Amino acid sequence: MDIADQASEIEQENLRIALLNHHAQQNVLSRTFCIDCDVVIPKERLAIVKGCQRCVDCQDILERKGGRK
């Protein structure tokens, strides 16, 4: 197995994990208040983002740090 095959396998595994995480998040109930700052999450955001846990500002901060939860 050469390095290209190994890279392809790693990419496939990362995609599988990302999809599992995405589907798991869809089954999580949305929160009324942000888990980071306790601000009320607007109804419009809750309707669009299934399993929403953070307000827009806190989600933006998290994503800028390199995480997506």
PDB file of N, CA and C in Angstrom:
ATOM      1  N   MET A   1       0.852  -1.171   0.000  1.00  0.00           N
ATOM      2  CA  MET A   1       0.000   0.000   0.000  1.00  0.00           C
ATOM      3  C   MET A   1       0.900   1.237   0.000  1.00  0.00           C
ATOM      4  N   ASP A   2       0.670   2.126  -0.958  1.00  0.00           N
ATOM      5  CA  ASP A   2       1.511   3.317  -1.035  1.00  0.00           C
ATOM      6  C   ASP A   2       0.884   4.465  -0.228  1.00  0.00           C
ATOM      7  N   ILE A   3       1.567   5.577  -0.203  1.00  0.00           N
ATOM      8  CA  ILE A   3       1.141   6.719   0.619  1.00  0.00           C
ATOM      9  C   ILE A   3      -0.195   7.301   0.136  1.00  0.00           C
ATOM     10  N   ALA A   4      -0.463   7.250  -1.145  1.00  0.00           N
ATOM     11  CA  ALA A   4      -1.731   7.758  -1.681  1.00  0.00           C
ATOM     12  C   ALA A   4      -2.903   6.906  -1.192  1.00  0.00           C
ATOM     13  N   ASP A   5      -2.697   5.598  -1.138  1.00  0.00           N
ATOM     14  CA  ASP A   5      -3.734   4.705  -0.621  1.00  0.00           C
ATOM     15  C   ASP A   5      -3.988   4.970   0.863  1.00  0.00           C
ATOM     16  N   GLN A   6      -2.913   5.170   1.621  1.00  0.00           N
ATOM     17  CA  GLN A   6      -3.051   5.462   3.043  1.00  0.00           C
ATOM     18  C   GLN A   6      -3.800   6.780   3.257  1.00  0.00           C
ATOM     19  N   ALA A   7      -3.455   7.791   2.485  1.00  0.00           N
ATOM     20  CA  ALA A   7      -4.118   9.088   2.585  1.00  0.00           C
ATOM     21  C   ALA A   7      -5.603   8.959   2.250  1.00  0.00           C
ATOM     22  N   SER A   8      -5.900   8.168   1.245  1.00  0.00           N
ATOM     23  CA  SER A   8      -7.297   7.953   0.853  1.00  0.00           C
ATOM     24  C   SER A   8      -8.077   7.266   1.968  1.00  0.00           C
ATOM     25  N   GLU A   9      -7.462   6.266   2.609  1.00  0.00           N
ATOM     26  CA  GLU A   9      -8.126   5.572   3.717  1.00  0.00           C
ATOM     27  C   GLU A   9      -8.373   6.508   4.897  1.00  0.00           C
ATOM     28  N   ILE A  10      -7.394   7.346   5.197  1.00  0.00           N
ATOM     29  CA  ILE A  10      -7.551   8.310   6.297  1.00  0.00           C
ATOM     30  C   ILE A  10      -8.660   9.295   5.971  1.00  0.00           C
ATOM     31  N   GLU A  11      -8.701   9.770   4.737  1.00  0.00           N
ATOM     32  CA  GLU A  11      -9.743  10.700   4.319  1.00  0.00           C
ATOM     33  C   GLU A  11     -11.125  10.053   4.425  1.00  0.00           C
ATOM     34  N   GLN A  12     -11.247   8.817   4.008  1.00  0.00           N
ATOM     35  CA  GLN A  12     -12.518   8.094   4.090  1.00  0.00           C
ATOM     36  C   GLN A  12     -12.965   7.935   5.548  1.00  0.00           C
ATOM     37  N   GLU A  13     -12.028   7.603   6.419  1.00  0.00           N
ATOM     38  CA  GLU A  13     -12.349   7.434   7.842  1.00  0.00           C
ATOM     39  C   GLU A  13     -12.764   8.768   8.465  1.00  0.00           C
ATOM     40  N   ASN A  14     -12.059   9.836   8.125  1.00  0.00           N
ATOM     41  CA  ASN A  14     -12.430  11.159   8.637  1.00  0.00           C
ATOM     42  C   ASN A  14     -13.824  11.569   8.160  1.00  0.00           C
ATOM     43  N   LEU A  15     -14.148  11.261   6.929  1.00  0.00           N
ATOM     44  CA  LEU A  15     -15.479  11.558   6.397  1.00  0.00           C
ATOM     45  C   LEU A  15     -16.541  10.744   7.126  1.00  0.00           C
ATOM     46  N   ARG A  16     -16.265   9.470   7.364  1.00  0.00           N
ATOM     47  CA  ARG A  16     -17.203   8.612   8.084  1.00  0.00           C
ATOM     48  C   ARG A  16     -17.475   9.159   9.486  1.00  0.00           C
ATOM     49  N   ILE A  17     -16.424   9.563  10.175  1.00  0.00           N
ATOM     50  CA  ILE A  17     -16.571  10.113  11.528  1.00  0.00           C
ATOM     51  C   ILE A  17     -17.339  11.418  11.504  1.00  0.00           C
ATOM     52  N   ALA A  18     -17.048  12.283  10.544  1.00  0.00           N
ATOM     53  CA  ALA A  18     -17.755  13.565  10.435  1.00  0.00           C
ATOM     54  C   ALA A  18     -19.242  13.338  10.188  1.00  0.00           C
ATOM     55  N   LEU A  19     -19.578  12.382   9.344  1.00  0.00           N
ATOM     56  CA  LEU A  19     -20.987  12.090   9.076  1.00  0.00           C
ATOM     57  C   LEU A  19     -21.682  11.521  10.305  1.00  0.00           C
ATOM     58  N   LEU A  20     -21.009  10.653  11.035  1.00  0.00           N
ATOM     59  CA  LEU A  20     -21.582  10.111  12.269  1.00  0.00           C
ATOM     60  C   LEU A  20     -21.831  11.227  13.279  1.00  0.00           C
ATOM     61  N   ASN A  21     -20.863  12.125  13.426  1.00  0.00           N
ATOM     62  CA  ASN A  21     -21.031  13.254  14.344  1.00  0.00           C
ATOM     63  C   ASN A  21     -22.179  14.152  13.915  1.00  0.00           C
ATOM     64  N   HIS A  22     -22.296  14.371  12.624  1.00  0.00           N
ATOM     65  CA  HIS A  22     -23.374  15.216  12.103  1.00  0.00           C
ATOM     66  C   HIS A  22     -24.730  14.588  12.401  1.00  0.00           C
ATOM     67  N   HIS A  23     -24.868  13.307  12.147  1.00  0.00           N
ATOM     68  CA  HIS A  23     -26.134  12.623  12.394  1.00  0.00           C
ATOM     69  C   HIS A  23     -26.449  12.564  13.884  1.00  0.00           C
ATOM     70  N   ALA A  24     -25.431  12.382  14.702  1.00  0.00           N
ATOM     71  CA  ALA A  24     -25.643  12.344  16.152  1.00  0.00           C
ATOM     72  C   ALA A  24     -26.136  13.697  16.646  1.00  0.00           C
ATOM     73  N   GLN A  25     -25.588  14.762  16.083  1.00  0.00           N
ATOM     74  CA  GLN A  25     -26.005  16.112  16.494  1.00  0.00           C
ATOM     75  C   GLN A  25     -27.461  16.379  16.105  1.00  0.00           C
ATOM     76  N   GLN A  26     -27.915  15.809  15.028  1.00  0.00           N
ATOM     77  CA  GLN A  26     -29.285  16.024  14.576  1.00  0.00           C
ATOM     78  C   GLN A  26     -30.298  15.431  15.554  1.00  0.00           C
ATOM     79  N   ASN A  27     -29.876  14.454  16.350  1.00  0.00           N
ATOM     80  CA  ASN A  27     -30.769  13.812  17.304  1.00  0.00           C
ATOM     81  C   ASN A  27     -30.736  14.477  18.677  1.00  0.00           C
ATOM     82  N   VAL A  28     -29.911  15.510  18.833  1.00  0.00           N
ATOM     83  CA  VAL A  28     -29.802  16.226  20.097  1.00  0.00           C
ATOM     84  C   VAL A  28     -30.870  17.319  20.129  1.00  0.00           C
ATOM     85  N   LEU A  29     -31.520  17.449  21.263  1.00  0.00           N
ATOM     86  CA  LEU A  29     -32.502  18.510  21.411  1.00  0.00           C
ATOM     87  C   LEU A  29     -31.799  19.860  21.463  1.00  0.00           C
ATOM     88  N   SER A  30     -32.409  20.849  20.840  1.00  0.00           N
ATOM     89  CA  SER A  30     -31.860  22.194  20.897  1.00  0.00           C
ATOM     90  C   SER A  30     -32.047  22.774  22.289  1.00  0.00           C
ATOM     91  N   ARG A  31     -31.147  23.662  22.648  1.00  0.00           N
ATOM     92  CA  ARG A  31     -31.230  24.337  23.930  1.00  0.00           C
ATOM     93  C   ARG A  31     -31.948  25.669  23.774  1.00  0.00           C
ATOM     94  N   THR A  32     -32.558  26.133  24.823  1.00  0.00           N
ATOM     95  CA  THR A  32     -33.191  27.453  24.822  1.00  0.00           C
ATOM     96  C   THR A  32     -32.143  28.530  25.083  1.00  0.00           C
ATOM     97  N   PHE A  33     -31.162  28.187  25.918  1.00  0.00           N
ATOM     98  CA  PHE A  33     -30.103  29.123  26.270  1.00  0.00           C
ATOM     99  C   PHE A  33     -28.764  28.563  25.807  1.00  0.00           C
ATOM    100  N   CYS A  34     -27.877  29.455  25.354  1.00  0.00           N
ATOM    101  CA  CYS A  34     -26.536  29.071  24.892  1.00  0.00           C
ATOM    102  C   CYS A  34     -25.765  28.401  26.025  1.00  0.00           C
ATOM    103  N   ILE A  35     -25.075  27.295  25.714  1.00  0.00           N
ATOM    104  CA  ILE A  35     -24.316  26.580  26.745  1.00  0.00           C
ATOM    105  C   ILE A  35     -23.072  27.348  27.186  1.00  0.00           C
ATOM    106  N   ASP A  36     -22.649  28.334  26.402  1.00  0.00           N
ATOM    107  CA  ASP A  36     -21.444  29.088  26.749  1.00  0.00           C
ATOM    108  C   ASP A  36     -21.740  30.398  27.475  1.00  0.00           C
ATOM    109  N   CYS A  37     -22.767  31.125  27.038  1.00  0.00           N
ATOM    110  CA  CYS A  37     -23.000  32.464  27.600  1.00  0.00           C
ATOM    111  C   CYS A  37     -24.379  32.649  28.230  1.00  0.00           C
ATOM    112  N   ASP A  38     -25.231  31.650  28.151  1.00  0.00           N
ATOM    113  CA  ASP A  38     -26.587  31.696  28.734  1.00  0.00           C
ATOM    114  C   ASP A  38     -27.531  32.718  28.089  1.00  0.00           C
ATOM    115  N   VAL A  39     -27.200  33.211  26.911  1.00  0.00           N
ATOM    116  CA  VAL A  39     -28.088  34.106  26.175  1.00  0.00           C
ATOM    117  C   VAL A  39     -29.180  33.260  25.526  1.00  0.00           C
ATOM    118  N   VAL A  40     -30.384  33.794  25.444  1.00  0.00           N
ATOM    119  CA  VAL A  40     -31.484  33.086  24.786  1.00  0.00           C
ATOM    120  C   VAL A  40     -31.154  32.915  23.304  1.00  0.00           C
ATOM    121  N   ILE A  41     -31.305  31.695  22.810  1.00  0.00           N
ATOM    122  CA  ILE A  41     -31.073  31.419  21.387  1.00  0.00           C
ATOM    123  C   ILE A  41     -32.371  31.741  20.647  1.00  0.00           C
ATOM    124  N   PRO A  42     -32.303  32.610  19.635  1.00  0.00           N
ATOM    125  CA  PRO A  42     -33.518  33.009  18.909  1.00  0.00           C
ATOM    126  C   PRO A  42     -34.242  31.817  18.281  1.00  0.00           C
ATOM    127  N   LYS A  43     -35.558  31.905  18.249  1.00  0.00           N
ATOM    128  CA  LYS A  43     -36.387  30.833  17.688  1.00  0.00           C
ATOM    129  C   LYS A  43     -36.028  30.530  16.241  1.00  0.00           C
ATOM    130  N   GLU A  44     -35.675  31.566  15.486  1.00  0.00           N
ATOM    131  CA  GLU A  44     -35.318  31.373  14.080  1.00  0.00           C
ATOM    132  C   GLU A  44     -34.093  30.469  13.958  1.00  0.00           C
ATOM    133  N   ARG A  45     -33.105  30.684  14.816  1.00  0.00           N
ATOM    134  CA  ARG A  45     -31.894  29.835  14.790  1.00  0.00           C
ATOM    135  C   ARG A  45     -32.241  28.411  15.198  1.00  0.00           C
ATOM    136  N   LEU A  46     -33.073  28.262  16.208  1.00  0.00           N
ATOM    137  CA  LEU A  46     -33.468  26.934  16.664  1.00  0.00           C
ATOM    138  C   LEU A  46     -34.209  26.164  15.571  1.00  0.00           C
ATOM    139  N   ALA A  47     -34.988  26.898  14.763  1.00  0.00           N
ATOM    140  CA  ALA A  47     -35.740  26.254  13.681  1.00  0.00           C
ATOM    141  C   ALA A  47     -34.819  25.787  12.554  1.00  0.00           C
ATOM    142  N   ILE A  48     -33.730  26.502  12.347  1.00  0.00           N
ATOM    143  CA  ILE A  48     -32.823  26.199  11.238  1.00  0.00           C
ATOM    144  C   ILE A  48     -31.753  25.193  11.637  1.00  0.00           C
ATOM    145  N   VAL A  49     -31.186  25.343  12.824  1.00  0.00           N
ATOM    146  CA  VAL A  49     -30.071  24.507  13.276  1.00  0.00           C
ATOM    147  C   VAL A  49     -30.595  23.470  14.263  1.00  0.00           C
ATOM    148  N   LYS A  50     -30.815  22.268  13.782  1.00  0.00           N
ATOM    149  CA  LYS A  50     -31.292  21.181  14.635  1.00  0.00           C
ATOM    150  C   LYS A  50     -30.204  20.816  15.643  1.00  0.00           C
ATOM    151  N   GLY A  51     -30.584  20.652  16.893  1.00  0.00           N
ATOM    152  CA  GLY A  51     -29.616  20.323  17.929  1.00  0.00           C
ATOM    153  C   GLY A  51     -28.751  21.502  18.330  1.00  0.00           C
ATOM    154  N   CYS A  52     -29.245  22.707  18.093  1.00  0.00           N
ATOM    155  CA  CYS A  52     -28.492  23.934  18.387  1.00  0.00           C
ATOM    156  C   CYS A  52     -28.143  23.996  19.877  1.00  0.00           C
ATOM    157  N   GLN A  53     -26.889  24.281  20.166  1.00  0.00           N
ATOM    158  CA  GLN A  53     -26.407  24.361  21.538  1.00  0.00           C
ATOM    159  C   GLN A  53     -25.862  25.743  21.893  1.00  0.00           C
ATOM    160  N   ARG A  54     -25.531  26.547  20.866  1.00  0.00           N
ATOM    161  CA  ARG A  54     -24.881  27.838  21.091  1.00  0.00           C
ATOM    162  C   ARG A  54     -25.551  28.947  20.288  1.00  0.00           C
ATOM    163  N   CYS A  55     -25.443  30.165  20.809  1.00  0.00           N
ATOM    164  CA  CYS A  55     -25.896  31.339  20.056  1.00  0.00           C
ATOM    165  C   CYS A  55     -24.935  31.540  18.882  1.00  0.00           C
ATOM    166  N   VAL A  56     -25.295  32.396  17.970  1.00  0.00           N
ATOM    167  CA  VAL A  56     -24.478  32.631  16.775  1.00  0.00           C
ATOM    168  C   VAL A  56     -23.083  33.110  17.160  1.00  0.00           C
ATOM    169  N   ASP A  57     -22.993  34.039  18.112  1.00  0.00           N
ATOM    170  CA  ASP A  57     -21.691  34.590  18.485  1.00  0.00           C
ATOM    171  C   ASP A  57     -20.769  33.524  19.074  1.00  0.00           C
ATOM    172  N   CYS A  58     -21.281  32.722  19.997  1.00  0.00           N
ATOM    173  CA  CYS A  58     -20.450  31.680  20.609  1.00  0.00           C
ATOM    174  C   CYS A  58     -20.078  30.599  19.603  1.00  0.00           C
ATOM    175  N   GLN A  59     -20.988  30.251  18.685  1.00  0.00           N
ATOM    176  CA  GLN A  59     -20.670  29.262  17.649  1.00  0.00           C
ATOM    177  C   GLN A  59     -19.579  29.796  16.740  1.00  0.00           C
ATOM    178  N   ASP A  60     -19.644  31.085  16.419  1.00  0.00           N
ATOM    179  CA  ASP A  60     -18.623  31.714  15.576  1.00  0.00           C
ATOM    180  C   ASP A  60     -17.257  31.658  16.263  1.00  0.00           C
ATOM    181  N   ILE A  61     -17.225  31.966  17.554  1.00  0.00           N
ATOM    182  CA  ILE A  61     -15.969  31.912  18.315  1.00  0.00           C
ATOM    183  C   ILE A  61     -15.414  30.496  18.309  1.00  0.00           C
ATOM    184  N   LEU A  62     -16.271  29.516  18.555  1.00  0.00           N
ATOM    185  CA  LEU A  62     -15.844  28.112  18.557  1.00  0.00           C
ATOM    186  C   LEU A  62     -15.247  27.702  17.218  1.00  0.00           C
ATOM    187  N   GLU A  63     -15.921  28.075  16.139  1.00  0.00           N
ATOM    188  CA  GLU A  63     -15.452  27.696  14.808  1.00  0.00           C
ATOM    189  C   GLU A  63     -14.149  28.398  14.447  1.00  0.00           C
ATOM    190  N   ARG A  64     -13.979  29.623  14.900  1.00  0.00           N
ATOM    191  CA  ARG A  64     -12.725  30.349  14.636  1.00  0.00           C
ATOM    192  C   ARG A  64     -11.556  29.706  15.372  1.00  0.00           C
ATOM    193  N   LYS A  65     -11.855  29.085  16.531  1.00  0.00           N
ATOM    194  CA  LYS A  65     -10.814  28.387  17.288  1.00  0.00           C
ATOM    195  C   LYS A  65     -10.485  27.041  16.655  1.00  0.00           C
ATOM    196  N   GLY A  66     -11.304  26.600  15.697  1.00  0.00           N
ATOM    197  CA  GLY A  66     -11.017  25.355  15.000  1.00  0.00           C
ATOM    198  C   GLY A  66     -11.883  24.178  15.415  1.00  0.00           C
ATOM    199  N   GLY A  67     -12.866  24.412  16.249  1.00  0.00           N
ATOM    200  CA  GLY A  67     -13.744  23.334  16.658  1.00  0.00           C
ATOM    201  C   GLY A  67     -15.125  23.543  16.081  1.00  0.00           C
ATOM    202  N   ARG A  68     -15.881  22.466  15.935  1.00  0.00           N
ATOM    203  CA  ARG A  68     -17.253  22.588  15.439  1.00  0.00           C
ATOM    204  C   ARG A  68     -18.087  21.601  16.217  1.00  0.00           C
ATOM    205  N   LYS A  69     -18.757  22.129  17.235  1.00  0.00           N
ATOM    206  CA  LYS A  69     -19.567  21.256  18.092  1.00  0.00           C
ATOM    207  C   LYS A  69     -20.971  21.779  18.161  1.00  0.00           C
TER     208      LYS A  69
END
